[in-house]
N, C-alpha and C. Protein backbone atom coordinates (compact mmCIF):
# COMPACT_ATOMS: atom_id res chain seq x y z
N MET A 1 -22.08 -5.38 1.56
CA MET A 1 -21.32 -5.21 0.31
C MET A 1 -20.94 -6.47 -0.12
N ALA A 2 -20.95 -6.32 -1.67
CA ALA A 2 -20.85 -7.56 -2.40
C ALA A 2 -19.52 -8.14 -2.27
N SER A 3 -19.15 -9.48 -2.27
CA SER A 3 -18.12 -10.09 -2.06
C SER A 3 -16.93 -9.74 -3.05
N TRP A 4 -17.25 -9.44 -4.35
CA TRP A 4 -16.30 -9.02 -5.40
C TRP A 4 -15.83 -7.50 -5.00
N LEU A 5 -16.83 -6.77 -4.67
CA LEU A 5 -16.48 -5.40 -4.03
C LEU A 5 -15.31 -5.37 -2.99
N ILE A 6 -15.73 -6.17 -2.00
CA ILE A 6 -14.66 -6.24 -1.02
C ILE A 6 -13.20 -6.73 -1.28
N VAL A 7 -13.34 -7.57 -2.25
CA VAL A 7 -11.99 -8.19 -2.87
C VAL A 7 -11.27 -7.18 -3.74
N LEU A 8 -12.08 -6.40 -4.24
CA LEU A 8 -11.37 -5.26 -5.15
C LEU A 8 -10.76 -4.49 -4.11
N LEU A 9 -11.77 -3.79 -3.33
CA LEU A 9 -11.19 -2.98 -2.05
C LEU A 9 -9.96 -3.45 -1.56
N ALA A 10 -9.89 -4.69 -1.15
CA ALA A 10 -8.71 -5.24 -0.33
C ALA A 10 -7.65 -5.20 -1.19
N VAL A 11 -7.70 -5.61 -2.48
CA VAL A 11 -6.55 -5.52 -3.55
C VAL A 11 -5.90 -4.32 -3.53
N LEU A 12 -6.75 -3.26 -3.96
CA LEU A 12 -6.25 -2.09 -3.88
C LEU A 12 -5.88 -1.43 -2.71
N GLY A 13 -6.44 -1.80 -1.53
CA GLY A 13 -5.86 -1.39 -0.24
C GLY A 13 -4.41 -2.07 0.27
N ILE A 14 -4.36 -3.01 -0.18
CA ILE A 14 -3.12 -4.03 -0.21
C ILE A 14 -1.99 -3.20 -0.91
N ALA A 15 -2.34 -2.85 -2.10
CA ALA A 15 -1.22 -1.99 -2.93
C ALA A 15 -1.05 -0.68 -2.09
N ARG A 16 -2.10 -0.09 -1.78
CA ARG A 16 -1.53 1.23 -1.21
C ARG A 16 -0.96 1.20 0.10
N LEU A 17 -1.29 0.17 1.08
CA LEU A 17 -0.41 0.06 2.25
C LEU A 17 1.06 -0.43 1.87
N THR A 18 1.09 -1.36 0.78
CA THR A 18 2.56 -1.65 0.63
C THR A 18 3.11 -0.39 0.00
N ARG A 19 2.71 0.40 -0.68
CA ARG A 19 3.34 1.50 -1.14
C ARG A 19 3.82 2.46 -0.21
N LEU A 20 2.83 2.57 0.92
CA LEU A 20 3.04 3.40 2.02
C LEU A 20 4.47 2.93 2.87
N ILE A 21 4.39 1.60 2.80
CA ILE A 21 5.58 0.93 3.57
C ILE A 21 6.91 1.14 3.02
N THR A 22 6.89 0.85 1.73
CA THR A 22 8.02 0.73 0.86
C THR A 22 8.84 1.98 0.18
N ARG A 23 7.80 2.95 -0.18
CA ARG A 23 8.14 3.92 -1.15
C ARG A 23 7.67 5.37 -0.57
N ASP A 24 6.64 5.35 0.00
CA ASP A 24 6.25 6.74 0.23
C ASP A 24 7.24 7.67 1.27
N ALA A 25 7.39 8.99 0.98
CA ALA A 25 8.01 9.92 1.53
C ALA A 25 7.66 10.05 3.10
N ILE A 26 6.59 9.94 3.52
CA ILE A 26 6.05 10.31 4.71
C ILE A 26 6.59 9.01 5.64
N THR A 27 6.89 7.82 5.38
CA THR A 27 7.54 6.75 5.98
C THR A 27 8.97 6.62 5.84
N GLU A 28 9.48 7.53 5.03
CA GLU A 28 11.08 7.43 4.77
C GLU A 28 11.66 7.58 6.15
N PRO A 29 11.20 8.55 7.09
CA PRO A 29 12.09 8.45 8.52
C PRO A 29 12.19 7.15 9.07
N ALA A 30 10.96 6.31 8.88
CA ALA A 30 10.88 5.34 9.80
C ALA A 30 11.78 4.17 9.03
N ARG A 31 11.83 4.20 7.37
CA ARG A 31 12.64 3.34 6.97
C ARG A 31 14.22 3.55 7.19
N ALA A 32 14.52 4.90 7.34
CA ALA A 32 15.92 5.26 7.54
C ALA A 32 16.37 4.82 8.80
N TRP A 33 15.44 5.09 9.81
CA TRP A 33 15.74 4.79 11.12
C TRP A 33 15.98 3.33 11.39
N ILE A 34 15.29 2.39 10.59
CA ILE A 34 15.52 0.95 10.64
C ILE A 34 16.75 0.45 9.95
N THR A 35 16.99 1.12 8.76
CA THR A 35 18.24 1.06 7.71
C THR A 35 19.48 1.40 8.70
N GLY A 36 19.36 2.68 9.55
CA GLY A 36 20.61 2.74 10.35
C GLY A 36 20.89 2.07 11.46
N ARG A 37 19.98 1.16 11.79
CA ARG A 37 20.19 0.35 12.99
C ARG A 37 20.53 -1.11 12.70
N LEU A 38 20.18 -1.47 11.52
CA LEU A 38 20.33 -2.87 11.12
C LEU A 38 21.38 -2.93 9.89
N PRO A 39 21.99 -4.16 9.78
CA PRO A 39 22.94 -4.21 8.46
C PRO A 39 22.15 -4.41 7.40
N LEU A 40 22.84 -3.85 6.31
CA LEU A 40 22.15 -3.26 4.99
C LEU A 40 21.46 -4.68 4.49
N ASP A 41 22.38 -5.81 4.74
CA ASP A 41 21.85 -7.21 4.20
C ASP A 41 20.79 -7.92 4.88
N SER A 42 20.13 -7.21 6.00
CA SER A 42 19.35 -7.85 6.86
C SER A 42 18.13 -8.07 6.21
N ARG A 43 17.29 -9.13 6.59
CA ARG A 43 15.93 -9.28 5.87
C ARG A 43 14.94 -8.19 6.18
N LEU A 44 14.88 -7.73 7.30
CA LEU A 44 13.92 -6.54 7.67
C LEU A 44 14.22 -5.29 6.48
N VAL A 45 15.46 -4.92 6.63
CA VAL A 45 15.77 -3.79 5.58
C VAL A 45 15.42 -4.23 4.05
N TYR A 46 15.61 -5.48 3.71
CA TYR A 46 15.15 -5.96 2.68
C TYR A 46 13.55 -5.70 2.36
N LEU A 47 13.07 -6.26 3.31
CA LEU A 47 11.46 -6.15 3.43
C LEU A 47 10.86 -4.81 3.41
N ILE A 48 11.33 -3.87 3.79
CA ILE A 48 10.76 -2.49 3.78
C ILE A 48 10.99 -1.77 2.58
N HIS A 49 11.86 -2.35 1.80
CA HIS A 49 12.25 -1.51 0.60
C HIS A 49 11.75 -2.37 -0.79
N CYS A 50 11.20 -3.68 -0.46
CA CYS A 50 10.79 -4.30 -1.63
C CYS A 50 9.23 -4.61 -1.54
N ASP A 51 8.42 -4.04 -2.72
CA ASP A 51 7.34 -3.97 -2.82
C ASP A 51 6.70 -5.58 -2.88
N TRP A 52 7.40 -6.41 -3.53
CA TRP A 52 6.71 -7.61 -3.86
C TRP A 52 6.92 -8.51 -2.31
N CYS A 53 8.07 -8.30 -1.50
CA CYS A 53 8.17 -8.92 -0.16
C CYS A 53 7.33 -8.35 0.83
N ALA A 54 6.94 -6.88 0.94
CA ALA A 54 6.10 -6.46 1.74
C ALA A 54 4.73 -6.91 1.60
N SER A 55 4.24 -6.89 0.18
CA SER A 55 3.09 -7.02 0.00
C SER A 55 2.30 -8.56 0.51
N ILE A 56 3.11 -9.38 0.67
CA ILE A 56 2.76 -10.55 1.20
C ILE A 56 2.21 -10.65 2.72
N TYR A 57 2.93 -9.67 3.45
CA TYR A 57 2.74 -9.59 4.78
C TYR A 57 1.43 -8.67 4.96
N VAL A 58 1.53 -7.52 4.03
CA VAL A 58 0.33 -6.62 4.10
C VAL A 58 -0.90 -7.44 3.47
N GLY A 59 -0.69 -8.19 2.71
CA GLY A 59 -2.03 -8.89 2.04
C GLY A 59 -2.52 -9.90 3.13
N SER A 60 -1.65 -10.39 3.74
CA SER A 60 -2.10 -11.67 4.66
C SER A 60 -2.86 -10.90 6.05
N GLY A 61 -2.25 -9.83 6.31
CA GLY A 61 -2.98 -8.93 7.58
C GLY A 61 -4.48 -8.43 6.87
N VAL A 62 -4.53 -7.98 5.77
CA VAL A 62 -5.74 -7.44 5.42
C VAL A 62 -6.55 -8.50 5.10
N ALA A 63 -6.18 -9.67 4.57
CA ALA A 63 -7.10 -10.99 4.37
C ALA A 63 -7.57 -11.32 5.68
N ALA A 64 -6.47 -11.34 6.67
CA ALA A 64 -6.98 -11.96 7.97
C ALA A 64 -8.25 -11.05 8.49
N ALA A 65 -7.95 -9.58 8.38
CA ALA A 65 -9.10 -8.75 8.98
C ALA A 65 -10.41 -9.13 8.30
N VAL A 66 -10.31 -9.06 7.01
CA VAL A 66 -11.56 -9.31 6.08
C VAL A 66 -12.21 -10.57 6.42
N TRP A 67 -11.47 -11.63 6.61
CA TRP A 67 -11.91 -13.02 6.84
C TRP A 67 -12.77 -12.90 8.26
N THR A 68 -11.73 -12.35 9.22
CA THR A 68 -12.40 -12.65 10.74
C THR A 68 -13.55 -11.66 10.84
N TRP A 69 -13.38 -10.62 10.38
CA TRP A 69 -14.72 -9.47 10.44
C TRP A 69 -15.45 -9.15 9.17
N PRO A 70 -15.92 -10.10 8.51
CA PRO A 70 -16.61 -9.94 7.19
C PRO A 70 -17.73 -8.82 7.07
N HIS A 71 -18.43 -8.87 8.23
CA HIS A 71 -19.51 -7.82 8.00
C HIS A 71 -19.55 -6.53 8.92
N ARG A 72 -18.25 -6.23 9.06
CA ARG A 72 -18.11 -5.08 10.28
C ARG A 72 -17.73 -3.90 9.53
N GLY A 73 -18.61 -2.76 9.44
CA GLY A 73 -18.19 -1.59 8.95
C GLY A 73 -16.91 -0.98 9.19
N TRP A 74 -16.24 -1.39 10.22
CA TRP A 74 -14.98 -0.86 10.61
C TRP A 74 -13.94 -1.34 9.73
N VAL A 75 -14.14 -2.39 9.15
CA VAL A 75 -13.14 -3.25 8.11
C VAL A 75 -13.31 -2.47 6.63
N ASP A 76 -14.51 -2.17 6.41
CA ASP A 76 -14.89 -1.60 4.93
C ASP A 76 -14.40 -0.10 4.99
N ILE A 77 -14.47 0.35 5.99
CA ILE A 77 -14.13 1.96 5.90
C ILE A 77 -12.66 2.09 5.56
N PRO A 78 -11.56 1.51 6.29
CA PRO A 78 -10.29 1.59 5.97
C PRO A 78 -9.91 1.19 4.52
N LEU A 79 -10.72 -0.01 4.03
CA LEU A 79 -10.56 -0.39 2.84
C LEU A 79 -10.87 0.59 1.78
N ILE A 80 -12.17 0.97 1.82
CA ILE A 80 -12.50 2.24 1.10
C ILE A 80 -11.51 3.48 0.98
N ALA A 81 -10.94 3.77 2.09
CA ALA A 81 -10.10 5.14 2.48
C ALA A 81 -8.86 4.51 1.59
N LEU A 82 -8.26 3.33 1.72
CA LEU A 82 -7.08 3.15 1.16
C LEU A 82 -7.23 2.88 -0.13
N THR A 83 -8.19 2.32 -0.66
CA THR A 83 -8.72 2.40 -2.20
C THR A 83 -8.61 3.60 -2.84
N GLY A 84 -9.46 4.61 -2.03
CA GLY A 84 -9.65 6.10 -2.60
C GLY A 84 -8.13 6.65 -2.79
N SER A 85 -7.27 6.44 -1.76
CA SER A 85 -6.16 6.96 -1.79
C SER A 85 -5.31 6.59 -2.94
N TYR A 86 -5.15 5.11 -3.20
CA TYR A 86 -4.39 4.62 -4.35
C TYR A 86 -4.96 5.03 -5.56
N VAL A 87 -6.38 5.11 -5.82
CA VAL A 87 -6.81 5.68 -7.01
C VAL A 87 -6.43 6.94 -7.27
N ALA A 88 -6.63 7.97 -6.15
CA ALA A 88 -6.21 9.56 -6.59
C ALA A 88 -4.82 9.41 -6.69
N GLY A 89 -3.79 8.91 -6.05
CA GLY A 89 -2.48 8.91 -6.41
C GLY A 89 -2.09 8.37 -7.86
N TRP A 90 -2.79 7.33 -8.09
CA TRP A 90 -2.65 6.78 -9.72
C TRP A 90 -3.31 7.85 -10.39
N SER A 91 -4.35 8.32 -10.44
CA SER A 91 -4.90 9.34 -11.31
C SER A 91 -4.08 10.70 -11.42
N ALA A 92 -3.49 10.98 -10.33
CA ALA A 92 -2.74 12.31 -10.07
C ALA A 92 -1.49 11.96 -11.04
N ARG A 93 -0.88 10.74 -10.85
CA ARG A 93 0.30 10.70 -11.62
C ARG A 93 -0.05 10.36 -13.11
N LEU A 94 -1.09 10.00 -13.60
CA LEU A 94 -1.62 9.99 -15.15
C LEU A 94 -1.65 11.48 -15.27
N GLU A 95 -2.38 12.40 -14.66
CA GLU A 95 -2.59 13.66 -15.15
C GLU A 95 -1.22 14.41 -15.10
N ASP A 96 -0.36 14.34 -14.34
CA ASP A 96 1.06 14.86 -14.29
C ASP A 96 1.64 14.56 -15.72
N LYS A 97 1.66 13.21 -15.84
CA LYS A 97 2.14 12.66 -17.26
C LYS A 97 1.59 13.27 -18.52
N ALA A 98 0.15 13.57 -18.46
CA ALA A 98 -0.51 14.12 -19.46
C ALA A 98 -0.10 15.62 -19.58
N ASP A 99 -0.02 16.38 -18.38
CA ASP A 99 0.43 17.58 -18.45
C ASP A 99 1.83 17.86 -18.87
N ALA A 100 2.68 17.02 -18.67
CA ALA A 100 4.13 17.31 -19.03
C ALA A 100 4.24 17.54 -20.45
N PRO A 101 5.19 18.52 -20.76
CA PRO A 101 5.46 18.75 -22.14
C PRO A 101 6.13 17.80 -22.88
N SER A 102 5.80 17.47 -24.04
CA SER A 102 6.31 16.19 -24.85
C SER A 102 7.82 16.68 -25.28
N PRO A 103 8.84 15.89 -25.21
CA PRO A 103 10.10 16.09 -25.71
C PRO A 103 10.09 16.60 -27.07
N GLN A 104 10.90 17.40 -27.66
CA GLN A 104 10.76 17.80 -28.90
C GLN A 104 12.08 17.47 -29.78
């Protein structure tokens, strides 16, 4: 796979994983569990609610995986899946916005 494509997949995969950690409803129970056990001003509580903060750690992990195993299909498959998920969610939001009645 071309290097530029791997970079694009990695960037979009990082965006998807970050959103999964910080905002998605499916991970809300895990965030609530952590928030309920730690002081609200703790760094971990802040990290799991901050896109910018979480993305550096997610990005480091993804970059390490791509760097360590550059020509392994098992790295490409999750990147493609994450990118597909992110693009699908993004396009669904655009469609929802386009289908919404305009205020009169």
